[in-house]
Amino acid sequence: MARTPRRQSAVLQTVTIRDVAAKAGVSVATVSRVFNRKGPIREDTFERVMAIAEEMRYVPDAAARSLSTRSTSTIGVVLPELHGEFFSEVIRGIDVAARQGGYHLLVSGSHSNSEEMRAVLQAVRGRVDGLIVMSPDLEPSTLLADFPSTFPLVLLNSRVDGRPSITIDNSGGARAVVRHLASLGHQRIAFLRGPSQNADAEQRLRGYRAAVRAAGIDADRNLELTGNFTEESGYDAVKRMLATRPRPSAIFTANDAMAIGALGALVEAGCAVPGEIALVGFDDIPIARFLAPPLTTVKVPIADLGRRGFELLRDSTTDPSAPSLKLETTLVVRQSCGASRPARPRRTKSQ
């Protein structure tokens, strides 16, 4: 059976140095001298070439091979951070899928800073065939404005109209935690929040609040503690909480890293987990099941998020209408929540 001709990747539409030279009315050598800052060049010529290059979104870079072959066999990955088990798992998922597809990765971190994100995106232009960007802390639409709509790009945990994305059912996962804790008899459930500007953190907070209202249990906003997704913030928040009365009977943290810090503070204070205070996290990073006690948490398919991000990027180069996805989360019950026995994982759904 004859194969349907495969559409050319959108990366093949990249503006070349010859396109800039033709529009500027100069030679390719002149454009090269402008960007390499080598050889004599008139000021008005320099300014004209730079203005036209910006208008055409020409990408000068050191990868001369990509200008001739129009392919780098490299995928760019931009994450908020590069340390921590969550991001390591995302990278692992992308890397396994990319290598199977014959691609290598160029990875960088934005540190949730808009200026650093712009610098990273500028640095990778022309060096990669496509981009996977995770930017839950920043507004990506303005940061990605310099990339043509034809450039293959996938967003993780954030959305921009017209760009394929993969998000997580954060709210559904948070509601499942509160329902489970309420079913165990907990009436005062503290929630350790993530950064206020982070989309995942805000969705988990909304899920927590909705489930507390639905369960008819204590909705005291003083039970909402401030954190920033780090172990240190979990430790510090729980140390402060332990000095208050009445204490909550359960703590739900917006990610597992904060749960690890919270557990450290509880153990240090001689507070039994789950005997005195139950503890639940979110993400199910690999170390969660090895804590003492093993951590009840919401499982996010982290490596699968990376794998499917690459697959969506690959598919979007031949199908611009590739659909955005939302990944389901699963409540994984272990000993830290005080359940009488470990329960089978339960898939959570949006409501």
Foldseek 3Di string as FASTA:
>chain_A
DDDDDFDFFLLLPADALVNLCVVLVHDSVLLVCLVVVDDDDDPVSSVSSVVSCQVSLHQDDDPVVCRVVSAQLEEEEEEQDCDDLLNVLLVLLQQVLSVVVSHYYDYDHQVLDLVSLLVVVSHCVSNHQEYEYERQLDDCPVSCVSPDLSRQYEYECDDDPLHAYEYEQLLQFLLVVLVVLVVVPFQQEAEEAADPSGNSRVSSVVSNQVNNVVSVGDPDCVSYWYAHPALCRLLVRLLVQVVDPPHGLEYEYAAVRSLNSVVVNCVVVVHDFNVRYAYAYEAPRVCQVVDVPRHWYKHDSSSVSNNVRNVLSVVCRRPSPRHHYYDWIWTWDTPRRPDPHGDDIGITDDD
